[in-house]
Amino acid sequence: MIAVAIIDYGSGNLRSVAKAFERVGASVQVTASPQAAAKASHIVLPGVGAFADCMSGLKALPGMLEVLQEQVMQRKKPFLGICVGMQMLFERGHEHGAYAGLGWLEGEVVPLVASKKEQNHSPLATRHSSLKIPHMGWNDLRITGEPPLLKNINTGDHAYFVHSYHAVCRNAADVLVTVEYGQTITAVVGRGNILGTQFHPEKSQQTGLQLLKNFLMIR
């Protein structure tokens, strides 16, 4: 059975993530121990709340950053960041200030735009309509390419989002899935063993469970 370590650094309810992984056949340990993370075959970093708070919580676990660096960046262990856990993969987050992230992917995390342009009766004119922030609820996925993480997941499938900030990637090849919400939003990122979802797979029903199942198949 595949062993998954879900990193517990005080951010949100991790039990729903653990239960989703258990449903797709994983042996799951929710842990704050770097040693446990090192022993697992797959590592998951969920995240709920502000970017800076999540980074502070992760840094407060003695030895965890060093173990993650070794296991993910050097040993190439499969890693999945969820929501703010995905955002933390990037170089910097701009939520209530500017804060350094893990820097494993190039890019920054910025606020969502609260309005969108819509065509009115004149083809040369536009009007603005308000969008609710946070982006909360179901949205259609738009998939680029056929990475293993997205096997049996198709453009038009739905996933569940709750977020007010989004990642802007500098490397377009890192963007695996986007959605539209007044602008194009990065929904899934990936580079080799480093993967992340802005949406919550544990709340995304069959689409989310399929993604978690695919993640377990990555070696």
N, C-alpha and C. Protein backbone atom coordinates (compact mmCIF):
# COMPACT_ATOMS: atom_id res chain seq x y z
N MET A 1 0.85 -1.20 0.00
CA MET A 1 0.00 0.00 0.00
C MET A 1 0.88 1.25 0.00
N ILE A 2 0.50 2.24 -0.78
CA ILE A 2 1.28 3.48 -0.90
C ILE A 2 1.13 4.31 0.37
N ALA A 3 2.25 4.78 0.90
CA ALA A 3 2.27 5.54 2.15
C ALA A 3 2.31 7.03 1.85
N VAL A 4 1.29 7.76 2.32
CA VAL A 4 1.18 9.20 2.10
C VAL A 4 1.37 9.93 3.42
N ALA A 5 2.27 10.90 3.43
CA ALA A 5 2.43 11.78 4.59
C ALA A 5 1.76 13.11 4.28
N ILE A 6 0.77 13.49 5.10
CA ILE A 6 0.11 14.78 4.99
C ILE A 6 0.69 15.68 6.08
N ILE A 7 1.34 16.76 5.66
CA ILE A 7 2.08 17.60 6.60
C ILE A 7 1.11 18.45 7.42
N ASP A 8 1.21 18.30 8.74
CA ASP A 8 0.36 19.03 9.68
C ASP A 8 1.17 20.16 10.29
N TYR A 9 0.92 21.38 9.84
CA TYR A 9 1.62 22.54 10.39
C TYR A 9 0.61 23.56 10.95
N GLY A 10 -0.56 23.04 11.33
CA GLY A 10 -1.56 23.88 11.97
C GLY A 10 -2.46 24.62 11.03
N SER A 11 -2.58 24.18 9.78
CA SER A 11 -3.39 24.89 8.80
C SER A 11 -4.61 24.08 8.42
N GLY A 12 -5.75 24.40 9.02
CA GLY A 12 -7.02 23.85 8.57
C GLY A 12 -7.28 22.42 9.02
N ASN A 13 -8.41 21.90 8.55
CA ASN A 13 -8.84 20.54 8.86
C ASN A 13 -8.23 19.57 7.86
N LEU A 14 -7.28 18.77 8.31
CA LEU A 14 -6.57 17.86 7.42
C LEU A 14 -7.29 16.52 7.30
N ARG A 15 -8.27 16.27 8.14
CA ARG A 15 -8.90 14.96 8.14
C ARG A 15 -9.62 14.69 6.83
N SER A 16 -10.24 15.71 6.23
CA SER A 16 -10.96 15.48 4.97
C SER A 16 -9.99 15.09 3.85
N VAL A 17 -8.80 15.66 3.86
CA VAL A 17 -7.78 15.27 2.87
C VAL A 17 -7.35 13.84 3.11
N ALA A 18 -7.12 13.51 4.37
CA ALA A 18 -6.70 12.15 4.72
C ALA A 18 -7.76 11.13 4.30
N LYS A 19 -9.03 11.43 4.58
CA LYS A 19 -10.11 10.50 4.25
C LYS A 19 -10.21 10.30 2.74
N ALA A 20 -9.99 11.37 1.96
CA ALA A 20 -10.05 11.24 0.51
C ALA A 20 -8.94 10.32 0.00
N PHE A 21 -7.74 10.47 0.55
CA PHE A 21 -6.65 9.58 0.15
C PHE A 21 -6.92 8.14 0.57
N GLU A 22 -7.51 7.96 1.75
CA GLU A 22 -7.86 6.61 2.19
C GLU A 22 -8.88 5.98 1.25
N ARG A 23 -9.80 6.78 0.74
CA ARG A 23 -10.81 6.27 -0.19
C ARG A 23 -10.21 5.74 -1.47
N VAL A 24 -9.07 6.29 -1.89
CA VAL A 24 -8.44 5.81 -3.13
C VAL A 24 -7.32 4.82 -2.84
N GLY A 25 -7.26 4.31 -1.61
CA GLY A 25 -6.40 3.17 -1.32
C GLY A 25 -5.05 3.45 -0.70
N ALA A 26 -4.81 4.66 -0.21
CA ALA A 26 -3.52 4.99 0.37
C ALA A 26 -3.50 4.69 1.87
N SER A 27 -2.31 4.43 2.38
CA SER A 27 -2.06 4.40 3.82
C SER A 27 -1.62 5.81 4.20
N VAL A 28 -2.37 6.47 5.09
CA VAL A 28 -2.18 7.89 5.32
C VAL A 28 -1.71 8.16 6.74
N GLN A 29 -0.75 9.07 6.87
CA GLN A 29 -0.32 9.57 8.17
C GLN A 29 -0.34 11.09 8.14
N VAL A 30 -1.14 11.69 9.01
CA VAL A 30 -1.11 13.15 9.19
C VAL A 30 -0.05 13.43 10.24
N THR A 31 0.98 14.19 9.86
CA THR A 31 2.15 14.26 10.72
C THR A 31 2.84 15.61 10.69
N ALA A 32 3.46 15.97 11.80
CA ALA A 32 4.33 17.14 11.87
C ALA A 32 5.79 16.70 11.98
N SER A 33 6.05 15.41 11.77
CA SER A 33 7.38 14.83 11.94
C SER A 33 8.15 14.79 10.63
N PRO A 34 9.32 15.42 10.55
CA PRO A 34 10.14 15.30 9.35
C PRO A 34 10.55 13.86 9.07
N GLN A 35 10.76 13.08 10.12
CA GLN A 35 11.15 11.68 9.93
C GLN A 35 10.04 10.88 9.25
N ALA A 36 8.79 11.15 9.64
CA ALA A 36 7.66 10.46 9.01
C ALA A 36 7.52 10.88 7.55
N ALA A 37 7.73 12.16 7.28
CA ALA A 37 7.67 12.63 5.89
C ALA A 37 8.74 11.96 5.05
N ALA A 38 9.91 11.77 5.62
CA ALA A 38 11.01 11.15 4.89
C ALA A 38 10.73 9.68 4.57
N LYS A 39 9.97 9.01 5.43
CA LYS A 39 9.69 7.59 5.23
C LYS A 39 8.57 7.34 4.24
N ALA A 40 7.69 8.33 4.03
CA ALA A 40 6.54 8.14 3.14
C ALA A 40 6.99 8.10 1.69
N SER A 41 6.17 7.47 0.86
CA SER A 41 6.47 7.44 -0.58
C SER A 41 5.96 8.68 -1.29
N HIS A 42 4.92 9.34 -0.74
CA HIS A 42 4.32 10.53 -1.32
C HIS A 42 4.07 11.55 -0.20
N ILE A 43 4.26 12.83 -0.52
CA ILE A 43 4.10 13.90 0.48
C ILE A 43 3.04 14.87 -0.01
N VAL A 44 2.15 15.27 0.91
CA VAL A 44 1.06 16.20 0.58
C VAL A 44 1.12 17.38 1.52
N LEU A 45 1.00 18.59 0.96
CA LEU A 45 1.00 19.82 1.75
C LEU A 45 -0.30 20.57 1.51
N PRO A 46 -1.32 20.38 2.36
CA PRO A 46 -2.54 21.18 2.23
C PRO A 46 -2.28 22.60 2.76
N GLY A 47 -3.27 23.46 2.58
CA GLY A 47 -3.13 24.81 3.11
C GLY A 47 -4.44 25.56 3.10
N VAL A 48 -4.80 26.16 4.24
CA VAL A 48 -5.99 27.00 4.36
C VAL A 48 -5.59 28.23 5.14
N GLY A 49 -5.96 29.42 4.61
CA GLY A 49 -5.63 30.64 5.32
C GLY A 49 -4.71 31.53 4.53
N ALA A 50 -4.00 32.40 5.23
CA ALA A 50 -3.12 33.37 4.58
C ALA A 50 -1.77 32.75 4.25
N PHE A 51 -1.21 33.17 3.14
CA PHE A 51 0.08 32.67 2.64
C PHE A 51 1.16 32.78 3.72
N ALA A 52 1.30 33.96 4.33
CA ALA A 52 2.36 34.18 5.31
C ALA A 52 2.19 33.30 6.54
N ASP A 53 0.95 33.14 6.99
CA ASP A 53 0.70 32.30 8.16
C ASP A 53 1.05 30.85 7.87
N CYS A 54 0.71 30.38 6.67
CA CYS A 54 1.02 29.00 6.31
C CYS A 54 2.53 28.79 6.22
N MET A 55 3.24 29.73 5.62
CA MET A 55 4.70 29.59 5.55
C MET A 55 5.31 29.63 6.94
N SER A 56 4.80 30.49 7.81
CA SER A 56 5.33 30.56 9.18
C SER A 56 5.09 29.25 9.92
N GLY A 57 3.90 28.67 9.72
CA GLY A 57 3.60 27.40 10.37
C GLY A 57 4.50 26.29 9.91
N LEU A 58 4.79 26.27 8.61
CA LEU A 58 5.68 25.24 8.07
C LEU A 58 7.10 25.41 8.59
N LYS A 59 7.57 26.65 8.62
CA LYS A 59 8.92 26.93 9.11
C LYS A 59 9.07 26.61 10.59
N ALA A 60 7.96 26.65 11.33
CA ALA A 60 8.01 26.40 12.78
C ALA A 60 8.19 24.94 13.13
N LEU A 61 8.06 24.03 12.14
CA LEU A 61 8.29 22.61 12.39
C LEU A 61 9.78 22.32 12.27
N PRO A 62 10.46 22.03 13.36
CA PRO A 62 11.92 21.84 13.32
C PRO A 62 12.34 20.77 12.31
N GLY A 63 13.18 21.17 11.37
CA GLY A 63 13.74 20.23 10.40
C GLY A 63 12.87 19.93 9.21
N MET A 64 11.62 20.41 9.19
CA MET A 64 10.71 20.04 8.11
C MET A 64 11.14 20.61 6.76
N LEU A 65 11.51 21.88 6.72
CA LEU A 65 11.91 22.46 5.44
C LEU A 65 13.11 21.74 4.86
N GLU A 66 14.04 21.38 5.70
CA GLU A 66 15.24 20.69 5.22
C GLU A 66 14.89 19.31 4.66
N VAL A 67 13.99 18.60 5.35
CA VAL A 67 13.59 17.28 4.88
C VAL A 67 12.80 17.39 3.57
N LEU A 68 11.91 18.36 3.48
CA LEU A 68 11.17 18.54 2.24
C LEU A 68 12.10 18.87 1.08
N GLN A 69 13.06 19.73 1.34
CA GLN A 69 14.03 20.06 0.30
C GLN A 69 14.76 18.81 -0.18
N GLU A 70 15.19 17.99 0.76
CA GLU A 70 15.92 16.77 0.41
C GLU A 70 15.02 15.77 -0.33
N GLN A 71 13.84 15.51 0.24
CA GLN A 71 12.98 14.47 -0.31
C GLN A 71 12.36 14.86 -1.65
N VAL A 72 11.97 16.11 -1.77
CA VAL A 72 11.26 16.55 -2.98
C VAL A 72 12.22 17.02 -4.06
N MET A 73 13.16 17.87 -3.69
CA MET A 73 14.04 18.46 -4.70
C MET A 73 15.22 17.56 -5.07
N GLN A 74 15.71 16.80 -4.14
CA GLN A 74 16.87 15.95 -4.42
C GLN A 74 16.47 14.51 -4.74
N ARG A 75 15.65 13.91 -3.89
CA ARG A 75 15.25 12.52 -4.11
C ARG A 75 14.06 12.39 -5.06
N LYS A 76 13.45 13.52 -5.41
CA LYS A 76 12.37 13.57 -6.40
C LYS A 76 11.14 12.77 -5.97
N LYS A 77 10.82 12.83 -4.69
CA LYS A 77 9.64 12.14 -4.17
C LYS A 77 8.38 12.89 -4.64
N PRO A 78 7.32 12.19 -5.06
CA PRO A 78 6.10 12.87 -5.50
C PRO A 78 5.52 13.75 -4.40
N PHE A 79 5.21 14.98 -4.77
CA PHE A 79 4.74 15.99 -3.82
C PHE A 79 3.52 16.68 -4.41
N LEU A 80 2.48 16.86 -3.57
CA LEU A 80 1.27 17.55 -4.00
C LEU A 80 0.91 18.65 -3.02
N GLY A 81 0.87 19.89 -3.50
CA GLY A 81 0.38 21.02 -2.71
C GLY A 81 -1.08 21.29 -3.04
N ILE A 82 -1.88 21.56 -2.02
CA ILE A 82 -3.32 21.79 -2.22
C ILE A 82 -3.67 23.19 -1.73
N CYS A 83 -4.35 23.98 -2.58
CA CYS A 83 -4.80 25.33 -2.29
C CYS A 83 -3.61 26.21 -1.89
N VAL A 84 -3.56 26.72 -0.67
CA VAL A 84 -2.40 27.53 -0.28
C VAL A 84 -1.13 26.68 -0.30
N GLY A 85 -1.27 25.37 -0.10
CA GLY A 85 -0.12 24.48 -0.24
C GLY A 85 0.47 24.53 -1.64
N MET A 86 -0.36 24.72 -2.66
CA MET A 86 0.14 24.93 -4.01
C MET A 86 0.79 26.30 -4.15
N GLN A 87 0.15 27.31 -3.59
CA GLN A 87 0.69 28.67 -3.71
C GLN A 87 2.07 28.78 -3.08
N MET A 88 2.29 28.03 -2.01
CA MET A 88 3.57 28.08 -1.31
C MET A 88 4.73 27.53 -2.14
N LEU A 89 4.42 26.83 -3.23
CA LEU A 89 5.47 26.33 -4.11
C LEU A 89 6.21 27.46 -4.81
N PHE A 90 5.59 28.63 -4.90
CA PHE A 90 6.14 29.72 -5.70
C PHE A 90 7.10 30.60 -4.90
N GLU A 91 7.70 31.54 -5.60
CA GLU A 91 8.75 32.35 -5.00
C GLU A 91 8.24 33.35 -3.98
N ARG A 92 7.04 33.89 -4.22
CA ARG A 92 6.59 34.97 -3.34
C ARG A 92 5.06 35.06 -3.36
N GLY A 93 4.49 35.39 -2.19
CA GLY A 93 3.06 35.63 -2.09
C GLY A 93 2.80 37.05 -1.66
N HIS A 94 1.78 37.69 -2.26
CA HIS A 94 1.46 39.09 -1.98
C HIS A 94 0.11 39.18 -1.28
N GLU A 95 0.01 38.61 -0.10
CA GLU A 95 -1.20 38.67 0.71
C GLU A 95 -0.87 39.40 2.01
N HIS A 96 -1.38 40.64 2.14
CA HIS A 96 -1.08 41.47 3.31
C HIS A 96 0.44 41.72 3.42
N GLY A 97 1.07 41.98 2.29
CA GLY A 97 2.51 42.19 2.27
C GLY A 97 3.13 41.27 1.23
N ALA A 98 4.45 41.20 1.22
CA ALA A 98 5.17 40.31 0.31
C ALA A 98 6.00 39.34 1.13
N TYR A 99 5.81 38.04 0.88
CA TYR A 99 6.45 37.02 1.70
C TYR A 99 7.04 35.93 0.80
N ALA A 100 8.19 35.44 1.18
CA ALA A 100 8.87 34.40 0.42
C ALA A 100 8.16 33.06 0.58
N GLY A 101 8.05 32.34 -0.55
CA GLY A 101 7.53 30.98 -0.53
C GLY A 101 8.68 29.98 -0.62
N LEU A 102 8.36 28.75 -0.99
CA LEU A 102 9.38 27.72 -1.10
C LEU A 102 10.30 27.96 -2.29
N GLY A 103 9.78 28.58 -3.34
CA GLY A 103 10.61 28.89 -4.50
C GLY A 103 10.93 27.71 -5.38
N TRP A 104 10.11 26.65 -5.32
CA TRP A 104 10.36 25.48 -6.16
C TRP A 104 9.87 25.69 -7.59
N LEU A 105 8.91 26.60 -7.77
CA LEU A 105 8.44 26.99 -9.09
C LEU A 105 8.57 28.50 -9.22
N GLU A 106 8.81 28.97 -10.45
CA GLU A 106 8.98 30.40 -10.68
C GLU A 106 7.62 31.06 -10.84
N GLY A 107 7.41 32.12 -10.07
CA GLY A 107 6.16 32.85 -10.17
C GLY A 107 5.77 33.45 -8.83
N GLU A 108 4.64 34.17 -8.83
CA GLU A 108 4.19 34.86 -7.63
C GLU A 108 2.68 34.65 -7.44
N VAL A 109 2.23 34.85 -6.22
CA VAL A 109 0.82 34.67 -5.87
C VAL A 109 0.23 36.05 -5.61
N VAL A 110 -0.81 36.39 -6.38
CA VAL A 110 -1.36 37.75 -6.37
C VAL A 110 -2.87 37.71 -6.17
N PRO A 111 -3.50 38.85 -5.82
CA PRO A 111 -4.95 38.85 -5.59
C PRO A 111 -5.74 38.59 -6.87
N LEU A 112 -6.88 37.95 -6.71
CA LEU A 112 -7.82 37.84 -7.81
C LEU A 112 -8.42 39.21 -8.12
N VAL A 113 -8.78 39.43 -9.36
CA VAL A 113 -9.41 40.68 -9.79
C VAL A 113 -10.90 40.59 -9.51
N ALA A 114 -11.47 41.64 -8.96
CA ALA A 114 -12.86 41.60 -8.51
C ALA A 114 -13.87 42.03 -9.57
N SER A 115 -13.44 42.24 -10.81
CA SER A 115 -14.38 42.59 -11.87
C SER A 115 -13.91 41.98 -13.16
N LYS A 116 -14.83 41.87 -14.10
CA LYS A 116 -14.49 41.34 -15.42
C LYS A 116 -15.09 42.24 -16.49
N LYS A 117 -14.46 42.23 -17.65
CA LYS A 117 -14.97 43.01 -18.77
C LYS A 117 -15.98 42.17 -19.55
N GLU A 118 -17.07 42.80 -19.91
CA GLU A 118 -18.08 42.13 -20.72
C GLU A 118 -18.43 43.02 -21.90
N GLN A 119 -18.66 42.41 -23.06
CA GLN A 119 -19.07 43.18 -24.23
C GLN A 119 -20.50 43.69 -24.05
N ASN A 120 -20.74 44.96 -24.39
CA ASN A 120 -22.12 45.43 -24.44
C ASN A 120 -22.56 45.49 -25.90
N HIS A 121 -23.56 46.26 -26.21
CA HIS A 121 -24.10 46.23 -27.56
C HIS A 121 -23.13 46.78 -28.59
N SER A 122 -22.20 47.61 -28.18
CA SER A 122 -21.21 48.13 -29.11
C SER A 122 -20.00 47.21 -29.11
N PRO A 123 -19.52 46.79 -30.28
CA PRO A 123 -18.35 45.90 -30.32
C PRO A 123 -17.08 46.57 -29.83
N LEU A 124 -17.08 47.90 -29.73
CA LEU A 124 -15.88 48.62 -29.32
C LEU A 124 -15.91 49.00 -27.85
N ALA A 125 -17.03 48.77 -27.18
CA ALA A 125 -17.18 49.21 -25.79
C ALA A 125 -17.27 48.01 -24.86
N THR A 126 -16.93 48.25 -23.62
CA THR A 126 -17.03 47.19 -22.61
C THR A 126 -17.67 47.76 -21.36
N ARG A 127 -18.20 46.90 -20.55
CA ARG A 127 -18.67 47.29 -19.24
C ARG A 127 -18.10 46.31 -18.23
N HIS A 128 -18.12 46.67 -16.97
CA HIS A 128 -17.57 45.82 -15.94
C HIS A 128 -18.67 45.28 -15.04
N SER A 129 -18.60 44.02 -14.70
CA SER A 129 -19.53 43.45 -13.73
C SER A 129 -18.72 42.88 -12.58
N SER A 130 -19.30 42.94 -11.41
CA SER A 130 -18.59 42.54 -10.21
C SER A 130 -18.54 41.02 -10.08
N LEU A 131 -17.40 40.50 -9.66
CA LEU A 131 -17.24 39.10 -9.33
C LEU A 131 -17.03 38.98 -7.83
N LYS A 132 -17.59 37.95 -7.25
CA LYS A 132 -17.41 37.75 -5.82
C LYS A 132 -16.02 37.21 -5.52
N ILE A 133 -15.39 37.81 -4.54
CA ILE A 133 -14.12 37.34 -4.04
C ILE A 133 -14.33 36.98 -2.57
N PRO A 134 -14.00 35.78 -2.13
CA PRO A 134 -13.22 34.78 -2.82
C PRO A 134 -13.98 34.07 -3.95
N HIS A 135 -13.24 33.51 -4.86
CA HIS A 135 -13.76 32.60 -5.87
C HIS A 135 -14.14 31.32 -5.13
N MET A 136 -15.44 31.09 -5.01
CA MET A 136 -15.92 29.98 -4.18
C MET A 136 -16.96 29.18 -4.95
N GLY A 137 -16.73 27.89 -5.09
CA GLY A 137 -17.70 27.03 -5.76
C GLY A 137 -17.06 26.24 -6.88
N TRP A 138 -17.93 25.70 -7.73
CA TRP A 138 -17.49 24.80 -8.80
C TRP A 138 -17.11 25.58 -10.05
N ASN A 139 -16.11 25.06 -10.75
CA ASN A 139 -15.69 25.69 -12.00
C ASN A 139 -15.22 24.61 -12.97
N ASP A 140 -15.32 24.92 -14.27
CA ASP A 140 -14.93 23.97 -15.32
C ASP A 140 -13.42 24.02 -15.55
N LEU A 141 -12.81 22.86 -15.60
CA LEU A 141 -11.38 22.77 -15.83
C LEU A 141 -11.07 22.85 -17.33
N ARG A 142 -9.97 23.47 -17.64
CA ARG A 142 -9.45 23.53 -19.02
C ARG A 142 -8.05 22.93 -18.99
N ILE A 143 -7.89 21.76 -19.57
CA ILE A 143 -6.67 20.98 -19.43
C ILE A 143 -5.74 21.23 -20.60
N THR A 144 -4.44 21.35 -20.28
CA THR A 144 -3.40 21.50 -21.29
C THR A 144 -2.55 20.24 -21.29
N GLY A 145 -2.47 19.55 -22.42
CA GLY A 145 -1.64 18.36 -22.51
C GLY A 145 -2.26 17.17 -21.81
N GLU A 146 -1.44 16.12 -21.61
CA GLU A 146 -1.91 14.88 -21.00
C GLU A 146 -0.93 14.38 -19.94
N PRO A 147 -0.69 15.17 -18.89
CA PRO A 147 0.21 14.71 -17.84
C PRO A 147 -0.41 13.57 -17.04
N PRO A 148 0.41 12.70 -16.44
CA PRO A 148 -0.12 11.56 -15.69
C PRO A 148 -1.08 11.96 -14.57
N LEU A 149 -0.88 13.11 -13.96
CA LEU A 149 -1.76 13.54 -12.87
C LEU A 149 -3.20 13.71 -13.33
N LEU A 150 -3.41 13.92 -14.62
CA LEU A 150 -4.74 14.24 -15.14
C LEU A 150 -5.34 13.11 -15.97
N LYS A 151 -4.82 11.90 -15.80
CA LYS A 151 -5.37 10.76 -16.52
C LYS A 151 -6.85 10.59 -16.17
N ASN A 152 -7.68 10.41 -17.21
CA ASN A 152 -9.13 10.22 -17.06
C ASN A 152 -9.85 11.45 -16.48
N ILE A 153 -9.20 12.61 -16.56
CA ILE A 153 -9.84 13.88 -16.22
C ILE A 153 -9.86 14.72 -17.50
N ASN A 154 -11.00 15.32 -17.80
CA ASN A 154 -11.17 15.97 -19.10
C ASN A 154 -11.54 17.43 -18.95
N THR A 155 -11.24 18.19 -19.99
CA THR A 155 -11.72 19.57 -20.06
C THR A 155 -13.25 19.58 -19.91
N GLY A 156 -13.75 20.45 -19.04
CA GLY A 156 -15.18 20.52 -18.76
C GLY A 156 -15.57 19.83 -17.46
N ASP A 157 -14.68 18.98 -16.94
CA ASP A 157 -14.95 18.40 -15.61
C ASP A 157 -14.89 19.50 -14.57
N HIS A 158 -15.57 19.28 -13.44
CA HIS A 158 -15.71 20.32 -12.42
C HIS A 158 -14.82 20.05 -11.21
N ALA A 159 -14.38 21.13 -10.59
CA ALA A 159 -13.64 21.04 -9.33
C ALA A 159 -14.08 22.19 -8.43
N TYR A 160 -13.84 22.04 -7.13
CA TYR A 160 -14.34 22.98 -6.14
C TYR A 160 -13.22 23.90 -5.65
N PHE A 161 -13.45 25.21 -5.75
CA PHE A 161 -12.47 26.23 -5.41
C PHE A 161 -12.93 27.07 -4.22
N VAL A 162 -11.98 27.48 -3.39
CA VAL A 162 -12.20 28.52 -2.38
C VAL A 162 -10.88 29.27 -2.24
N HIS A 163 -10.78 30.45 -2.86
CA HIS A 163 -9.52 31.21 -2.77
C HIS A 163 -9.72 32.65 -3.22
N SER A 164 -8.86 33.52 -2.69
CA SER A 164 -8.87 34.94 -3.04
C SER A 164 -7.60 35.36 -3.77
N TYR A 165 -6.62 34.47 -3.82
CA TYR A 165 -5.33 34.74 -4.48
C TYR A 165 -5.05 33.61 -5.45
N HIS A 166 -4.22 33.91 -6.44
CA HIS A 166 -3.90 32.87 -7.42
C HIS A 166 -2.45 33.01 -7.87
N ALA A 167 -1.93 31.92 -8.39
CA ALA A 167 -0.53 31.87 -8.81
C ALA A 167 -0.38 32.31 -10.25
N VAL A 168 0.59 33.18 -10.48
CA VAL A 168 0.97 33.59 -11.83
C VAL A 168 2.33 32.95 -12.13
N CYS A 169 2.35 31.97 -13.01
CA CYS A 169 3.57 31.23 -13.33
C CYS A 169 4.40 31.99 -14.36
N ARG A 170 5.71 31.99 -14.16
CA ARG A 170 6.58 32.57 -15.17
C ARG A 170 6.89 31.57 -16.28
N ASN A 171 6.79 30.29 -15.97
CA ASN A 171 7.05 29.25 -16.95
C ASN A 171 5.71 28.65 -17.37
N ALA A 172 5.27 28.94 -18.58
CA ALA A 172 3.96 28.48 -19.04
C ALA A 172 3.86 26.96 -19.03
N ALA A 173 4.97 26.26 -19.20
CA ALA A 173 4.95 24.81 -19.22
C ALA A 173 4.57 24.21 -17.87
N ASP A 174 4.67 24.99 -16.79
CA ASP A 174 4.29 24.51 -15.46
C ASP A 174 2.78 24.48 -15.25
N VAL A 175 2.02 25.15 -16.12
CA VAL A 175 0.56 25.25 -15.97
C VAL A 175 -0.08 24.07 -16.68
N LEU A 176 -0.75 23.20 -15.91
CA LEU A 176 -1.38 22.01 -16.47
C LEU A 176 -2.88 22.18 -16.68
N VAL A 177 -3.51 23.02 -15.84
CA VAL A 177 -4.96 23.23 -15.93
C VAL A 177 -5.25 24.69 -15.58
N THR A 178 -6.20 25.28 -16.28
CA THR A 178 -6.67 26.62 -15.95
C THR A 178 -8.20 26.60 -15.80
N VAL A 179 -8.74 27.66 -15.19
CA VAL A 179 -10.18 27.91 -15.19
C VAL A 179 -10.36 29.40 -15.48
N GLU A 180 -11.58 29.76 -15.84
CA GLU A 180 -11.91 31.16 -16.09
C GLU A 180 -12.80 31.69 -14.98
N TYR A 181 -12.39 32.82 -14.41
CA TYR A 181 -13.22 33.51 -13.42
C TYR A 181 -12.90 35.00 -13.52
N GLY A 182 -13.37 35.59 -14.61
CA GLY A 182 -13.07 36.98 -14.90
C GLY A 182 -11.67 37.17 -15.45
N GLN A 183 -10.86 36.14 -15.34
CA GLN A 183 -9.49 36.10 -15.83
C GLN A 183 -9.10 34.63 -15.87
N THR A 184 -8.01 34.33 -16.50
CA THR A 184 -7.52 32.96 -16.52
C THR A 184 -6.75 32.68 -15.24
N ILE A 185 -7.17 31.64 -14.53
CA ILE A 185 -6.58 31.28 -13.24
C ILE A 185 -5.89 29.94 -13.36
N THR A 186 -4.69 29.86 -12.81
CA THR A 186 -3.96 28.60 -12.77
C THR A 186 -4.62 27.67 -11.76
N ALA A 187 -5.06 26.50 -12.22
CA ALA A 187 -5.78 25.56 -11.36
C ALA A 187 -4.93 24.36 -10.95
N VAL A 188 -4.02 23.94 -11.82
CA VAL A 188 -3.10 22.83 -11.51
C VAL A 188 -1.74 23.17 -12.10
N VAL A 189 -0.70 22.93 -11.31
CA VAL A 189 0.67 23.14 -11.79
C VAL A 189 1.44 21.84 -11.65
N GLY A 190 2.50 21.73 -12.43
CA GLY A 190 3.33 20.55 -12.32
C GLY A 190 4.65 20.70 -13.04
N ARG A 191 5.68 20.23 -12.38
CA ARG A 191 7.00 20.12 -13.00
C ARG A 191 7.65 18.88 -12.42
N GLY A 192 7.66 17.81 -13.21
CA GLY A 192 8.22 16.56 -12.72
C GLY A 192 7.42 16.04 -11.54
N ASN A 193 8.10 15.83 -10.42
CA ASN A 193 7.46 15.30 -9.21
C ASN A 193 6.75 16.35 -8.37
N ILE A 194 6.90 17.63 -8.74
CA ILE A 194 6.31 18.73 -7.96
C ILE A 194 4.97 19.12 -8.58
N LEU A 195 3.88 18.92 -7.84
CA LEU A 195 2.54 19.11 -8.36
C LEU A 195 1.71 19.92 -7.38
N GLY A 196 0.71 20.62 -7.90
CA GLY A 196 -0.14 21.41 -7.02
C GLY A 196 -1.49 21.68 -7.64
N THR A 197 -2.53 21.78 -6.79
CA THR A 197 -3.88 22.11 -7.24
C THR A 197 -4.39 23.30 -6.45
N GLN A 198 -4.90 24.30 -7.17
CA GLN A 198 -5.54 25.42 -6.49
C GLN A 198 -6.89 25.00 -5.91
N PHE A 199 -7.59 24.11 -6.59
CA PHE A 199 -8.86 23.63 -6.07
C PHE A 199 -8.62 22.55 -5.00
N HIS A 200 -9.70 22.19 -4.33
CA HIS A 200 -9.63 21.18 -3.27
C HIS A 200 -10.07 19.83 -3.83
N PRO A 201 -9.14 18.91 -4.11
CA PRO A 201 -9.56 17.61 -4.64
C PRO A 201 -10.42 16.83 -3.67
N GLU A 202 -10.19 17.02 -2.37
CA GLU A 202 -10.98 16.29 -1.37
C GLU A 202 -12.43 16.74 -1.34
N LYS A 203 -12.75 17.89 -1.96
CA LYS A 203 -14.13 18.40 -2.03
C LYS A 203 -14.69 18.33 -3.44
N SER A 204 -13.93 17.76 -4.37
CA SER A 204 -14.29 17.81 -5.79
C SER A 204 -14.85 16.50 -6.31
N GLN A 205 -15.39 15.69 -5.42
CA GLN A 205 -16.10 14.48 -5.79
C GLN A 205 -15.25 13.59 -6.70
N GLN A 206 -15.84 13.05 -7.77
CA GLN A 206 -15.15 12.05 -8.57
C GLN A 206 -13.90 12.62 -9.25
N THR A 207 -13.98 13.87 -9.70
CA THR A 207 -12.80 14.48 -10.34
C THR A 207 -11.64 14.56 -9.37
N GLY A 208 -11.92 14.98 -8.14
CA GLY A 208 -10.87 15.08 -7.14
C GLY A 208 -10.29 13.74 -6.76
N LEU A 209 -11.16 12.74 -6.58
CA LEU A 209 -10.68 11.41 -6.23
C LEU A 209 -9.83 10.82 -7.36
N GLN A 210 -10.22 11.08 -8.60
CA GLN A 210 -9.41 10.60 -9.73
C GLN A 210 -8.03 11.23 -9.72
N LEU A 211 -7.97 12.53 -9.43
CA LEU A 211 -6.67 13.20 -9.37
C LEU A 211 -5.80 12.61 -8.26
N LEU A 212 -6.38 12.36 -7.09
CA LEU A 212 -5.60 11.78 -5.99
C LEU A 212 -5.13 10.37 -6.35
N LYS A 213 -5.99 9.61 -7.00
CA LYS A 213 -5.61 8.26 -7.45
C LYS A 213 -4.44 8.34 -8.44
N ASN A 214 -4.51 9.30 -9.35
CA ASN A 214 -3.42 9.48 -10.32
C ASN A 214 -2.13 9.87 -9.62
N PHE A 215 -2.24 10.73 -8.61
CA PHE A 215 -1.05 11.15 -7.86
C PHE A 215 -0.35 9.95 -7.22
N LEU A 216 -1.13 9.01 -6.70
CA LEU A 216 -0.54 7.84 -6.06
C LEU A 216 0.21 6.96 -7.06
N MET A 217 -0.17 7.04 -8.33
CA MET A 217 0.48 6.22 -9.35
C MET A 217 1.81 6.80 -9.83
N ILE A 218 2.09 8.04 -9.44
CA ILE A 218 3.35 8.69 -9.84
C ILE A 218 4.46 8.18 -8.94
N ARG A 219 5.55 7.77 -9.55
CA ARG A 219 6.69 7.22 -8.80
C ARG A 219 7.93 8.08 -9.01
